[in-house]
């Protein structure tokens, strides 16, 4: 078990990518704080981890990552429940499709508040604890291939995820003296519940039938299938483990070859 004895927080862990990472960490021996706005969903994933029957513990925690005080409380809960903190996965995020001329201040602020400001608050709270402990740590941010390029219908999201990639680099440099590694994962088109809504939005805006946008995006993936949340867990485990101790400031594409750099 590569994460035996470690304590991790995973935000946005009630479903999708966050849930997959939380379960994968538990299978590798980590105790996990399952953090999400959806309290019932977080509790359900914590129960799934408990049902695994391994050495790992799990605790749900309700949080809106935009709330700095709740970010501090989340870290305090990890320490109270499991004795410390070794890993933070900033997975909580917001994606909304909006044409260029319809992108307004409210959407822009909400996108950056969740995807960037929330990431900052959680990272500051976690890093402070890691520095106090004096044993280093791992912070892993969820970026996106949308942060590598512009896209006509998701300007605010693309900009926020480009910010995540840049924040990862700045945080890594700031925290390197404390032996805290900061890296990011850039997924592609991931088959989650959110894609039902996204598919309909794309279909409405592009004049397609429901299901056609998802099929079109999938057809562009070199490995020939849509990404599953579990496809991201290998990289998430690697970046949380001692195997990545000499890696920091990097953003890794895990997207089936959909974006080359």
Protein backbone atom coordinates (compact mmCIF):
# COMPACT_ATOMS: atom_id res chain seq x y z
CA UNK A 1 0.00 0.00 0.00
CA UNK A 2 1.66 3.19 -1.23
CA UNK A 3 -0.26 5.58 1.04
CA UNK A 4 -0.25 3.51 4.21
CA UNK A 5 -0.61 5.76 7.27
CA UNK A 6 -1.19 8.94 5.26
CA UNK A 7 -4.08 11.36 5.78
CA UNK A 8 -5.73 12.93 2.75
CA UNK A 9 -8.41 15.52 2.07
CA UNK A 10 -10.24 15.26 -1.26
CA UNK A 11 -12.60 18.11 -2.12
CA UNK A 12 -15.56 17.59 -4.41
CA UNK A 13 -15.42 13.94 -3.40
CA UNK A 14 -19.11 13.07 -3.28
CA UNK A 15 -19.14 11.91 -6.90
CA UNK A 16 -17.19 11.60 -10.12
CA UNK A 17 -13.44 12.18 -10.12
CA UNK A 18 -13.27 13.10 -6.44
CA UNK A 19 -15.10 9.96 -5.37
CA UNK A 20 -12.81 7.79 -7.50
CA UNK A 21 -9.68 9.37 -6.00
CA UNK A 22 -10.99 9.12 -2.43
CA UNK A 23 -11.73 5.41 -2.85
CA UNK A 24 -8.38 4.79 -4.55
CA UNK A 25 -6.51 6.50 -1.73
CA UNK A 26 -8.36 4.43 0.85
CA UNK A 27 -7.44 1.24 -1.00
CA UNK A 28 -3.82 2.37 -0.82
CA UNK A 29 -4.05 2.74 2.96
CA UNK A 30 -4.80 6.45 3.44
CA UNK A 31 -7.41 7.85 5.77
CA UNK A 32 -9.59 10.27 3.82
CA UNK A 33 -11.64 13.34 4.61
CA UNK A 34 -14.41 13.23 2.01
CA UNK A 35 -15.20 16.92 1.51
CA UNK A 36 -18.11 18.22 -0.54
CA UNK A 37 -21.01 20.69 -0.52
CA UNK A 38 -23.30 17.66 -0.75
CA UNK A 39 -23.26 16.37 2.83
CA UNK A 40 -25.29 13.24 2.06
CA UNK A 41 -23.07 12.41 -0.90
CA UNK A 42 -19.91 12.88 1.16
CA UNK A 43 -21.34 10.65 3.87
CA UNK A 44 -22.16 8.00 1.29
CA UNK A 45 -18.59 7.91 -0.05
CA UNK A 46 -17.22 7.77 3.49
CA UNK A 47 -19.49 4.77 4.08
CA UNK A 48 -18.15 3.16 0.88
CA UNK A 49 -14.62 3.56 2.21
CA UNK A 50 -15.60 2.06 5.56
CA UNK A 51 -17.13 -0.90 3.71
CA UNK A 52 -13.77 -1.66 2.09
CA UNK A 53 -12.72 -3.06 5.42
CA UNK A 54 -9.09 -1.97 5.17
CA UNK A 55 -6.91 0.02 7.57
CA UNK A 56 -8.09 3.37 6.24
CA UNK A 57 -10.57 5.61 7.99
CA UNK A 58 -12.95 8.08 6.39
CA UNK A 59 -14.84 11.14 7.57
CA UNK A 60 -17.31 13.29 5.62
CA UNK A 61 -17.03 17.06 5.76
CA UNK A 62 -19.46 19.57 4.25
CA UNK A 63 -17.76 22.55 2.65
CA UNK A 64 -18.22 25.31 0.13
CA UNK A 65 -14.57 25.86 -0.81
CA UNK A 66 -15.24 29.57 -1.30
CA UNK A 67 -15.57 29.88 2.47
CA UNK A 68 -12.10 30.44 3.91
CA UNK A 69 -13.22 29.64 7.46
CA UNK A 70 -14.65 26.30 6.36
CA UNK A 71 -11.36 25.49 4.63
CA UNK A 72 -9.56 26.05 7.92
CA UNK A 73 -12.18 23.97 9.74
CA UNK A 74 -11.77 21.15 7.21
CA UNK A 75 -8.06 20.89 7.94
CA UNK A 76 -8.72 21.05 11.67
CA UNK A 77 -11.21 18.19 11.28
CA UNK A 78 -8.61 16.07 9.46
CA UNK A 79 -6.17 16.65 12.30
CA UNK A 80 -8.78 15.93 14.96
CA UNK A 81 -10.02 12.76 13.27
CA UNK A 82 -6.74 11.30 12.00
CA UNK A 83 -3.88 13.12 13.71
CA UNK A 84 -2.44 15.16 10.86
CA UNK A 85 -2.54 15.91 7.15
CA UNK A 86 -0.29 14.69 4.34
CA UNK A 87 -2.25 15.10 1.10
CA UNK A 88 -4.72 17.62 -0.30
CA UNK A 89 -6.54 17.06 -3.58
CA UNK A 90 -8.22 20.23 -4.84
CA UNK A 91 -10.86 18.58 -7.00
CA UNK A 92 -13.93 20.75 -6.27
CA UNK A 93 -14.77 22.79 -9.34
CA UNK A 94 -17.43 24.41 -11.46
CA UNK A 95 -18.03 24.07 -15.20
CA UNK A 96 -20.72 25.96 -17.08
CA UNK A 97 -21.11 26.50 -20.80
CA UNK A 98 -21.87 30.05 -21.87
CA UNK A 99 -21.43 31.76 -25.26
CA UNK A 100 -18.92 34.63 -25.39
CA UNK A 101 -21.46 37.45 -25.52
CA UNK A 102 -23.52 35.88 -22.71
CA UNK A 103 -20.57 35.56 -20.32
CA UNK A 104 -21.38 38.01 -17.55
CA UNK A 105 -19.80 39.23 -14.36
CA UNK A 106 -21.77 36.85 -12.16
CA UNK A 107 -20.60 33.77 -14.08
CA UNK A 108 -17.02 35.01 -14.26
CA UNK A 109 -16.86 35.71 -10.52
CA UNK A 110 -18.48 32.41 -9.57
CA UNK A 111 -16.15 30.42 -11.82
CA UNK A 112 -13.02 32.01 -10.40
CA UNK A 113 -14.34 31.99 -6.83
CA UNK A 114 -14.83 28.22 -6.91
CA UNK A 115 -12.06 27.05 -9.24
CA UNK A 116 -9.30 29.44 -8.14
CA UNK A 117 -10.09 31.26 -4.91
CA UNK A 118 -11.45 28.11 -3.28
CA UNK A 119 -8.34 26.23 -4.34
CA UNK A 120 -6.22 28.94 -2.73
CA UNK A 121 -8.08 28.89 0.59
CA UNK A 122 -7.90 25.10 0.86
CA UNK A 123 -4.23 25.04 -0.14
CA UNK A 124 -3.26 27.74 2.35
CA UNK A 125 -5.03 25.95 5.19
CA UNK A 126 -3.49 22.58 4.29
CA UNK A 127 -0.01 23.95 3.68
CA UNK A 128 0.07 25.77 7.01
CA UNK A 129 -0.60 22.48 8.77
CA UNK A 130 1.98 20.65 6.66
CA UNK A 131 4.61 23.28 7.48
CA UNK A 132 3.81 23.00 11.20
CA UNK A 133 4.18 19.22 11.04
CA UNK A 134 7.58 19.54 9.38
CA UNK A 135 7.33 16.37 7.30
CA UNK A 136 6.40 17.82 3.92
CA UNK A 137 3.26 16.99 2.02
CA UNK A 138 1.51 16.74 -1.33
CA UNK A 139 -0.98 19.13 -2.93
CA UNK A 140 -2.65 17.97 -6.13
CA UNK A 141 -4.82 20.30 -8.17
CA UNK A 142 -7.35 19.27 -10.82
CA UNK A 143 -6.77 21.36 -13.90
CA UNK A 144 -8.22 20.52 -17.34
CA UNK A 145 -7.26 20.30 -20.97
CA UNK A 146 -9.48 23.41 -21.21
CA UNK A 147 -6.72 25.22 -19.32
CA UNK A 148 -4.29 24.39 -22.14
CA UNK A 149 -6.31 26.11 -24.88
CA UNK A 150 -9.25 28.39 -25.51
CA UNK A 151 -12.71 27.11 -26.38
CA UNK A 152 -15.46 29.29 -27.82
CA UNK A 153 -18.29 28.25 -25.50
CA UNK A 154 -16.41 27.92 -22.21
CA UNK A 155 -14.25 31.05 -22.00
CA UNK A 156 -14.59 31.54 -18.23
CA UNK A 157 -13.92 27.88 -17.46
CA UNK A 158 -10.87 27.76 -19.75
CA UNK A 159 -9.49 30.90 -18.14
CA UNK A 160 -10.05 29.57 -14.63
CA UNK A 161 -8.31 26.27 -15.39
CA UNK A 162 -5.38 28.11 -17.01
CA UNK A 163 -5.23 29.97 -13.71
CA UNK A 164 -5.13 26.64 -11.85
CA UNK A 165 -2.11 25.54 -13.91
CA UNK A 166 -0.36 28.83 -13.16
CA UNK A 167 -1.30 28.69 -9.48
CA UNK A 168 0.17 25.18 -9.31
CA UNK A 169 3.51 26.53 -10.51
CA UNK A 170 3.51 29.47 -8.09
CA UNK A 171 2.44 27.34 -5.13
CA UNK A 172 5.10 24.76 -5.92
CA UNK A 173 7.83 27.38 -5.86
CA UNK A 174 6.53 28.94 -2.65
CA UNK A 175 6.25 25.62 -0.82
CA UNK A 176 9.34 23.81 -2.14
CA UNK A 177 11.49 24.95 0.83
CA UNK A 178 9.03 23.10 3.09
CA UNK A 179 9.24 19.86 1.05
CA UNK A 180 5.63 20.25 -0.05
CA UNK A 181 5.18 19.07 -3.63
CA UNK A 182 2.49 20.79 -5.70
CA UNK A 183 1.40 19.29 -9.00
CA UNK A 184 -1.74 19.13 -11.13
CA UNK A 185 -3.66 16.65 -13.25
CA UNK A 186 -5.29 17.76 -16.49
CA UNK A 187 -8.19 15.46 -17.45
CA UNK A 188 -9.90 15.39 -20.81
CA UNK A 189 -13.53 14.47 -21.49
CA UNK A 190 -14.58 12.54 -18.39
CA UNK A 191 -17.76 10.45 -18.30
CA UNK A 192 -19.42 11.78 -15.16
CA UNK A 193 -22.98 12.68 -14.22
CA UNK A 194 -22.17 16.29 -15.08
CA UNK A 195 -21.83 15.31 -18.74
CA UNK A 196 -25.56 14.67 -19.04
CA UNK A 197 -26.15 18.38 -18.45
CA UNK A 198 -23.14 19.42 -20.54
CA UNK A 199 -24.23 17.27 -23.46
CA UNK A 200 -27.67 18.91 -23.46
CA UNK A 201 -26.14 22.41 -23.25
CA UNK A 202 -23.78 21.73 -26.14
CA UNK A 203 -26.62 20.19 -28.16
CA UNK A 204 -28.83 23.24 -27.64
CA UNK A 205 -26.09 25.71 -28.56
CA UNK A 206 -24.71 23.77 -31.53
CA UNK A 207 -28.00 22.57 -33.00
CA UNK A 208 -27.28 18.90 -32.36
CA UNK A 209 -29.37 16.02 -31.08
CA UNK A 210 -28.82 15.04 -27.41
CA UNK A 211 -25.96 12.56 -27.20
CA UNK A 212 -24.31 13.79 -30.39
CA UNK A 213 -21.90 16.24 -28.65
CA UNK A 214 -20.64 13.51 -26.35
CA UNK A 215 -20.15 11.13 -29.29
CA UNK A 216 -18.34 13.84 -31.25
CA UNK A 217 -15.97 14.66 -28.41
CA UNK A 218 -15.32 10.96 -27.80
CA UNK A 219 -14.49 10.38 -31.47
CA UNK A 220 -11.65 12.91 -31.20
CA UNK A 221 -9.86 10.97 -28.43
CA UNK A 222 -6.90 9.00 -29.83
CA UNK A 223 -7.35 6.09 -27.42
CA UNK A 224 -10.87 5.67 -28.76
CA UNK A 225 -13.05 5.89 -25.66
CA UNK A 226 -14.32 8.47 -23.22
CA UNK A 227 -12.36 8.89 -20.00
CA UNK A 228 -13.65 7.32 -16.79
CA UNK A 229 -13.01 8.84 -13.35
CA UNK A 230 -10.96 5.77 -12.46
CA UNK A 231 -8.54 6.57 -15.31
CA UNK A 232 -7.25 9.45 -13.18
CA UNK A 233 -6.56 7.50 -10.01
CA UNK A 234 -3.19 6.08 -11.05
CA UNK A 235 -1.71 9.56 -11.51
CA UNK A 236 -3.43 10.79 -8.35
CA UNK A 237 -1.87 7.97 -6.33
CA UNK A 238 1.56 8.50 -7.89
CA UNK A 239 1.55 12.23 -7.13
CA UNK A 240 0.47 11.55 -3.54
CA UNK A 241 3.10 8.89 -2.94
CA UNK A 242 6.81 8.94 -2.14
CA UNK A 243 7.46 7.97 -5.76
CA UNK A 244 6.89 11.62 -6.78
CA UNK A 245 9.06 13.21 -4.08
CA UNK A 246 11.35 14.81 -6.68
CA UNK A 247 8.52 16.15 -8.83
CA UNK A 248 6.88 19.52 -8.35
CA UNK A 249 5.36 22.38 -10.40
CA UNK A 250 4.11 19.98 -13.10
CA UNK A 251 0.71 19.52 -14.77
CA UNK A 252 0.16 16.06 -16.23
CA UNK A 253 -2.29 15.35 -19.03
CA UNK A 254 -4.42 12.27 -18.40
CA UNK A 255 -6.78 12.55 -21.36
CA UNK A 256 -6.37 9.60 -23.72
CA UNK A 257 -3.96 11.61 -25.90
CA UNK A 258 -6.52 14.32 -26.59
CA UNK A 259 -4.06 17.17 -26.06
CA UNK A 260 -0.38 16.82 -26.95
CA UNK A 261 1.37 19.13 -24.50
